[in-house]
């Protein structure tokens, strides 16, 4: 049995994934492109207790996302929105609001996926600590998918390998490309799978 989909991402994860800064994420959240959420203990809004995962507005926390000068690590917010609600609720207890740290903030995984899909963002390949991939094989797979979707399967495996080698040559930031034999090993199972469909 597989694990369920990821539910949340931290701001740090998405900043790294998209190659942007936290201030960008806050700006997109403040303009309704993303939703910031956090988990809270019980607070009182009027007479109603509210706890769990709640929406917070980036507009109330911009002091933590300054582009110039130091940003605060935390701030207090005075309104929250329970998930599934469209109405903001004002915190009455504690009277000094709710202390939020930047590390408490999360993005909903479903919204992250939708944001990426709508803007055709290519995710950066995951790199395990201590080892960087030498070649962008994930990017190659995306290129192959687009090429086959748009133009169909090439006539020969050699032609496909040549296209992949050309793609690496054009996209490699260092000019370093894999050996043709390495590319052939990566392409061979893809080629066989494509030919089995014919």
C-alpha atoms as a PDB file:
ATOM      1  CA  UNK A   1       0.000   0.000   0.000  1.00  0.00           C
ATOM      2  CA  UNK A   2       1.417   3.389  -0.970  1.00  0.00           C
ATOM      3  CA  UNK A   3       1.538   6.426   1.284  1.00  0.00           C
ATOM      4  CA  UNK A   4      -1.096   9.138   0.848  1.00  0.00           C
ATOM      5  CA  UNK A   5      -0.059  12.318  -0.996  1.00  0.00           C
ATOM      6  CA  UNK A   6       1.950  14.947   0.851  1.00  0.00           C
ATOM      7  CA  UNK A   7      -0.290  17.402   2.739  1.00  0.00           C
ATOM      8  CA  UNK A   8       1.953  20.410   3.457  1.00  0.00           C
ATOM      9  CA  UNK A   9       5.243  22.046   2.462  1.00  0.00           C
ATOM     10  CA  UNK A  10       7.344  24.463   4.473  1.00  0.00           C
ATOM     11  CA  UNK A  11       8.238  27.823   2.951  1.00  0.00           C
ATOM     12  CA  UNK A  12      11.889  26.781   2.894  1.00  0.00           C
ATOM     13  CA  UNK A  13      11.112  23.675   0.847  1.00  0.00           C
ATOM     14  CA  UNK A  14       9.143  25.612  -1.755  1.00  0.00           C
ATOM     15  CA  UNK A  15      11.676  28.446  -1.912  1.00  0.00           C
ATOM     16  CA  UNK A  16      14.338  25.861  -2.721  1.00  0.00           C
ATOM     17  CA  UNK A  17      12.070  23.998  -5.115  1.00  0.00           C
ATOM     18  CA  UNK A  18      11.108  27.089  -7.125  1.00  0.00           C
ATOM     19  CA  UNK A  19      14.352  29.018  -6.781  1.00  0.00           C
ATOM     20  CA  UNK A  20      12.708  32.030  -5.130  1.00  0.00           C
ATOM     21  CA  UNK A  21      12.771  33.729  -1.737  1.00  0.00           C
ATOM     22  CA  UNK A  22      10.201  33.595   1.065  1.00  0.00           C
ATOM     23  CA  UNK A  23       9.199  37.198   0.280  1.00  0.00           C
ATOM     24  CA  UNK A  24       8.012  36.012  -3.153  1.00  0.00           C
ATOM     25  CA  UNK A  25       5.861  33.318  -1.557  1.00  0.00           C
ATOM     26  CA  UNK A  26       4.393  35.860   0.852  1.00  0.00           C
ATOM     27  CA  UNK A  27       3.638  38.216  -2.024  1.00  0.00           C
ATOM     28  CA  UNK A  28       1.857  35.489  -3.962  1.00  0.00           C
ATOM     29  CA  UNK A  29      -0.082  34.543  -0.835  1.00  0.00           C
ATOM     30  CA  UNK A  30      -1.019  38.188  -0.221  1.00  0.00           C
ATOM     31  CA  UNK A  31      -2.400  38.386  -3.771  1.00  0.00           C
ATOM     32  CA  UNK A  32      -4.425  35.153  -3.467  1.00  0.00           C
ATOM     33  CA  UNK A  33      -2.193  32.874  -5.543  1.00  0.00           C
ATOM     34  CA  UNK A  34      -1.261  30.737  -2.529  1.00  0.00           C
ATOM     35  CA  UNK A  35      -2.670  30.138   0.964  1.00  0.00           C
ATOM     36  CA  UNK A  36      -0.571  30.231   4.121  1.00  0.00           C
ATOM     37  CA  UNK A  37      -1.671  27.898   6.893  1.00  0.00           C
ATOM     38  CA  UNK A  38      -0.431  27.035  10.361  1.00  0.00           C
ATOM     39  CA  UNK A  39      -1.405  24.769  13.220  1.00  0.00           C
ATOM     40  CA  UNK A  40      -2.596  26.419  16.425  1.00  0.00           C
ATOM     41  CA  UNK A  41      -3.678  25.458  19.915  1.00  0.00           C
ATOM     42  CA  UNK A  42      -7.110  26.640  20.971  1.00  0.00           C
ATOM     43  CA  UNK A  43      -7.864  30.365  20.813  1.00  0.00           C
ATOM     44  CA  UNK A  44     -11.180  32.141  21.288  1.00  0.00           C
ATOM     45  CA  UNK A  45     -12.782  34.138  18.498  1.00  0.00           C
ATOM     46  CA  UNK A  46     -15.745  35.932  20.063  1.00  0.00           C
ATOM     47  CA  UNK A  47     -17.183  33.024  22.028  1.00  0.00           C
ATOM     48  CA  UNK A  48     -16.059  30.288  19.641  1.00  0.00           C
ATOM     49  CA  UNK A  49     -12.933  28.189  20.302  1.00  0.00           C
ATOM     50  CA  UNK A  50     -10.806  27.580  17.218  1.00  0.00           C
ATOM     51  CA  UNK A  51      -7.901  25.111  16.992  1.00  0.00           C
ATOM     52  CA  UNK A  52      -6.012  23.005  14.482  1.00  0.00           C
ATOM     53  CA  UNK A  53      -5.052  23.990  10.938  1.00  0.00           C
ATOM     54  CA  UNK A  54      -6.061  27.572  10.146  1.00  0.00           C
ATOM     55  CA  UNK A  55      -5.427  30.024   7.334  1.00  0.00           C
ATOM     56  CA  UNK A  56      -3.429  33.156   8.135  1.00  0.00           C
ATOM     57  CA  UNK A  57      -3.059  36.121   5.825  1.00  0.00           C
ATOM     58  CA  UNK A  58       0.348  37.157   4.531  1.00  0.00           C
ATOM     59  CA  UNK A  59      -0.796  40.790   4.585  1.00  0.00           C
ATOM     60  CA  UNK A  60      -0.718  40.662   8.402  1.00  0.00           C
ATOM     61  CA  UNK A  61       2.805  39.242   8.495  1.00  0.00           C
ATOM     62  CA  UNK A  62       4.777  41.214   5.922  1.00  0.00           C
ATOM     63  CA  UNK A  63       7.248  42.319   8.606  1.00  0.00           C
ATOM     64  CA  UNK A  64       8.593  38.754   8.412  1.00  0.00           C
ATOM     65  CA  UNK A  65       9.105  39.074   4.642  1.00  0.00           C
ATOM     66  CA  UNK A  66      10.993  42.326   4.086  1.00  0.00           C
ATOM     67  CA  UNK A  67      13.025  42.502   0.887  1.00  0.00           C
ATOM     68  CA  UNK A  68      15.338  45.191   2.264  1.00  0.00           C
ATOM     69  CA  UNK A  69      16.744  45.143   5.762  1.00  0.00           C
ATOM     70  CA  UNK A  70      16.286  42.444   8.387  1.00  0.00           C
ATOM     71  CA  UNK A  71      12.975  40.625   8.684  1.00  0.00           C
ATOM     72  CA  UNK A  72      11.386  39.635  11.970  1.00  0.00           C
ATOM     73  CA  UNK A  73      11.376  35.949  12.872  1.00  0.00           C
ATOM     74  CA  UNK A  74       7.914  36.185  14.388  1.00  0.00           C
ATOM     75  CA  UNK A  75       4.889  38.442  14.662  1.00  0.00           C
ATOM     76  CA  UNK A  76       1.418  38.469  16.164  1.00  0.00           C
ATOM     77  CA  UNK A  77      -1.739  38.014  14.138  1.00  0.00           C
ATOM     78  CA  UNK A  78      -5.222  38.916  15.228  1.00  0.00           C
ATOM     79  CA  UNK A  79      -7.337  37.164  12.628  1.00  0.00           C
ATOM     80  CA  UNK A  80      -7.504  33.609  11.369  1.00  0.00           C
ATOM     81  CA  UNK A  81      -9.752  31.607   9.089  1.00  0.00           C
ATOM     82  CA  UNK A  82     -10.662  27.999   9.838  1.00  0.00           C
ATOM     83  CA  UNK A  83     -10.101  25.675   6.881  1.00  0.00           C
ATOM     84  CA  UNK A  84     -13.211  25.433   4.730  1.00  0.00           C
ATOM     85  CA  UNK A  85     -14.531  28.812   5.921  1.00  0.00           C
ATOM     86  CA  UNK A  86     -14.606  32.005   3.870  1.00  0.00           C
ATOM     87  CA  UNK A  87     -14.995  34.288   6.913  1.00  0.00           C
ATOM     88  CA  UNK A  88     -12.086  35.744   8.865  1.00  0.00           C
ATOM     89  CA  UNK A  89     -12.487  35.480  12.639  1.00  0.00           C
ATOM     90  CA  UNK A  90     -10.860  37.908  15.044  1.00  0.00           C
ATOM     91  CA  UNK A  91      -9.022  36.500  18.043  1.00  0.00           C
ATOM     92  CA  UNK A  92     -10.387  37.800  21.344  1.00  0.00           C
ATOM     93  CA  UNK A  93      -8.423  35.484  23.647  1.00  0.00           C
ATOM     94  CA  UNK A  94      -5.534  35.815  24.066  1.00  0.00           C
ATOM     95  CA  UNK A  95      -6.016  39.564  23.858  1.00  0.00           C
ATOM     96  CA  UNK A  96      -2.547  40.118  22.403  1.00  0.00           C
ATOM     97  CA  UNK A  97      -3.267  37.836  19.456  1.00  0.00           C
ATOM     98  CA  UNK A  98      -1.467  34.750  18.254  1.00  0.00           C
ATOM     99  CA  UNK A  99       2.324  34.570  18.004  1.00  0.00           C
ATOM    100  CA  UNK A 100       3.392  33.131  14.628  1.00  0.00           C
ATOM    101  CA  UNK A 101       6.959  32.185  13.722  1.00  0.00           C
ATOM    102  CA  UNK A 102       8.008  32.029  10.098  1.00  0.00           C
ATOM    103  CA  UNK A 103       8.928  28.379  10.609  1.00  0.00           C
ATOM    104  CA  UNK A 104       5.301  27.670  11.655  1.00  0.00           C
ATOM    105  CA  UNK A 105       3.944  28.620   8.242  1.00  0.00           C
ATOM    106  CA  UNK A 106       3.061  26.005   5.641  1.00  0.00           C
ATOM    107  CA  UNK A 107       1.643  25.796   2.129  1.00  0.00           C
ATOM    108  CA  UNK A 108      -1.022  23.286   1.142  1.00  0.00           C
ATOM    109  CA  UNK A 109       0.473  20.615  -1.117  1.00  0.00           C
ATOM    110  CA  UNK A 110      -2.583  20.622  -3.384  1.00  0.00           C
ATOM    111  CA  UNK A 111      -2.214  24.357  -3.982  1.00  0.00           C
ATOM    112  CA  UNK A 112       1.509  23.972  -4.643  1.00  0.00           C
ATOM    113  CA  UNK A 113       0.766  21.332  -7.289  1.00  0.00           C
ATOM    114  CA  UNK A 114      -1.939  23.495  -8.886  1.00  0.00           C
ATOM    115  CA  UNK A 115       0.368  26.544  -8.888  1.00  0.00           C
ATOM    116  CA  UNK A 116       3.089  24.505 -10.623  1.00  0.00           C
ATOM    117  CA  UNK A 117       0.696  22.989 -13.151  1.00  0.00           C
ATOM    118  CA  UNK A 118      -0.863  26.333 -14.102  1.00  0.00           C
ATOM    119  CA  UNK A 119       2.542  27.939 -14.635  1.00  0.00           C
ATOM    120  CA  UNK A 120       4.274  24.926 -16.187  1.00  0.00           C
ATOM    121  CA  UNK A 121       6.947  24.999 -13.490  1.00  0.00           C
ATOM    122  CA  UNK A 122       9.517  22.256 -13.743  1.00  0.00           C
ATOM    123  CA  UNK A 123      10.340  20.984 -10.301  1.00  0.00           C
ATOM    124  CA  UNK A 124      13.966  20.902  -9.389  1.00  0.00           C
ATOM    125  CA  UNK A 125      15.232  17.353  -9.017  1.00  0.00           C
ATOM    126  CA  UNK A 126      15.505  16.102  -5.435  1.00  0.00           C
ATOM    127  CA  UNK A 127      19.084  15.950  -4.257  1.00  0.00           C
ATOM    128  CA  UNK A 128      19.903  13.764  -1.297  1.00  0.00           C
ATOM    129  CA  UNK A 129      22.282  15.374   1.213  1.00  0.00           C
ATOM    130  CA  UNK A 130      25.906  14.921   0.263  1.00  0.00           C
ATOM    131  CA  UNK A 131      25.368  13.824  -3.327  1.00  0.00           C
ATOM    132  CA  UNK A 132      24.506  16.036  -6.262  1.00  0.00           C
ATOM    133  CA  UNK A 133      23.270  14.435  -9.495  1.00  0.00           C
ATOM    134  CA  UNK A 134      25.781  14.955 -12.269  1.00  0.00           C
ATOM    135  CA  UNK A 135      23.158  15.081 -15.020  1.00  0.00           C
ATOM    136  CA  UNK A 136      19.544  16.253 -15.071  1.00  0.00           C
ATOM    137  CA  UNK A 137      17.859  12.926 -15.870  1.00  0.00           C
ATOM    138  CA  UNK A 138      14.517  14.163 -14.547  1.00  0.00           C
ATOM    139  CA  UNK A 139      14.665  17.114 -16.933  1.00  0.00           C
ATOM    140  CA  UNK A 140      15.549  14.701 -19.742  1.00  0.00           C
ATOM    141  CA  UNK A 141      12.435  12.627 -18.979  1.00  0.00           C
ATOM    142  CA  UNK A 142      10.269  15.753 -19.179  1.00  0.00           C
ATOM    143  CA  UNK A 143      11.891  16.711 -22.489  1.00  0.00           C
ATOM    144  CA  UNK A 144      11.233  13.199 -23.856  1.00  0.00           C
ATOM    145  CA  UNK A 145       7.616  13.286 -22.776  1.00  0.00           C
ATOM    146  CA  UNK A 146       7.082  16.619 -24.524  1.00  0.00           C
ATOM    147  CA  UNK A 147       8.944  15.532 -27.641  1.00  0.00           C
ATOM    148  CA  UNK A 148       6.986  12.280 -27.985  1.00  0.00           C
ATOM    149  CA  UNK A 149       3.705  13.999 -27.173  1.00  0.00           C
ATOM    150  CA  UNK A 150       4.297  16.766 -29.730  1.00  0.00           C
ATOM    151  CA  UNK A 151       6.182  14.932 -32.503  1.00  0.00           C
ATOM    152  CA  UNK A 152       5.707  11.217 -31.904  1.00  0.00           C
ATOM    153  CA  UNK A 153       8.330   8.516 -31.525  1.00  0.00           C
ATOM    154  CA  UNK A 154      11.475   8.905 -33.660  1.00  0.00           C
ATOM    155  CA  UNK A 155      12.217   6.293 -36.309  1.00  0.00           C
ATOM    156  CA  UNK A 156      15.222   4.778 -34.519  1.00  0.00           C
ATOM    157  CA  UNK A 157      16.653   4.498 -31.049  1.00  0.00           C
ATOM    158  CA  UNK A 158      19.876   6.105 -32.296  1.00  0.00           C
ATOM    159  CA  UNK A 159      17.907   9.174 -33.376  1.00  0.00           C
ATOM    160  CA  UNK A 160      16.329   9.419 -29.936  1.00  0.00           C
ATOM    161  CA  UNK A 161      19.707   9.098 -28.217  1.00  0.00           C
ATOM    162  CA  UNK A 162      21.140  11.823 -30.476  1.00  0.00           C
ATOM    163  CA  UNK A 163      18.274  14.155 -29.534  1.00  0.00           C
ATOM    164  CA  UNK A 164      18.867  13.487 -25.846  1.00  0.00           C
ATOM    165  CA  UNK A 165      22.593  14.166 -26.202  1.00  0.00           C
ATOM    166  CA  UNK A 166      21.806  17.422 -28.037  1.00  0.00           C
ATOM    167  CA  UNK A 167      19.391  18.401 -25.247  1.00  0.00           C
ATOM    168  CA  UNK A 168      22.075  17.859 -22.596  1.00  0.00           C
ATOM    169  CA  UNK A 169      24.570  19.870 -24.660  1.00  0.00           C
ATOM    170  CA  UNK A 170      22.126  22.786 -24.919  1.00  0.00           C
ATOM    171  CA  UNK A 171      20.927  22.773 -21.295  1.00  0.00           C
ATOM    172  CA  UNK A 172      24.004  21.782 -19.287  1.00  0.00           C
ATOM    173  CA  UNK A 173      25.223  24.811 -17.307  1.00  0.00           C
ATOM    174  CA  UNK A 174      28.794  23.470 -17.414  1.00  0.00           C
ATOM    175  CA  UNK A 175      28.738  21.989 -20.918  1.00  0.00           C
ATOM    176  CA  UNK A 176      29.264  18.551 -19.384  1.00  0.00           C
ATOM    177  CA  UNK A 177      27.139  15.852 -21.041  1.00  0.00           C
ATOM    178  CA  UNK A 178      26.806  12.119 -20.289  1.00  0.00           C
ATOM    179  CA  UNK A 179      28.634   9.506 -22.308  1.00  0.00           C
ATOM    180  CA  UNK A 180      26.550   8.142 -25.176  1.00  0.00           C
ATOM    181  CA  UNK A 181      26.719   4.669 -23.604  1.00  0.00           C
ATOM    182  CA  UNK A 182      25.242   6.067 -20.368  1.00  0.00           C
ATOM    183  CA  UNK A 183      22.443   7.760 -22.267  1.00  0.00           C
ATOM    184  CA  UNK A 184      21.790   4.546 -24.196  1.00  0.00           C
ATOM    185  CA  UNK A 185      21.344   2.642 -20.903  1.00  0.00           C
ATOM    186  CA  UNK A 186      18.802   5.241 -19.740  1.00  0.00           C
ATOM    187  CA  UNK A 187      16.964   5.336 -23.062  1.00  0.00           C
ATOM    188  CA  UNK A 188      16.863   1.575 -23.765  1.00  0.00           C
ATOM    189  CA  UNK A 189      13.986   0.696 -21.381  1.00  0.00           C
ATOM    190  CA  UNK A 190      12.010   3.741 -22.550  1.00  0.00           C
ATOM    191  CA  UNK A 191      12.552   2.759 -26.193  1.00  0.00           C
ATOM    192  CA  UNK A 192      11.449  -0.831 -25.520  1.00  0.00           C
ATOM    193  CA  UNK A 193       8.314   0.362 -23.743  1.00  0.00           C
ATOM    194  CA  UNK A 194       7.448   2.679 -26.624  1.00  0.00           C
ATOM    195  CA  UNK A 195       7.981  -0.070 -29.213  1.00  0.00           C
ATOM    196  CA  UNK A 196       5.833  -2.526 -27.245  1.00  0.00           C
ATOM    197  CA  UNK A 197       2.867  -0.189 -27.766  1.00  0.00           C
ATOM    198  CA  UNK A 198       3.136  -0.351 -31.561  1.00  0.00           C
END
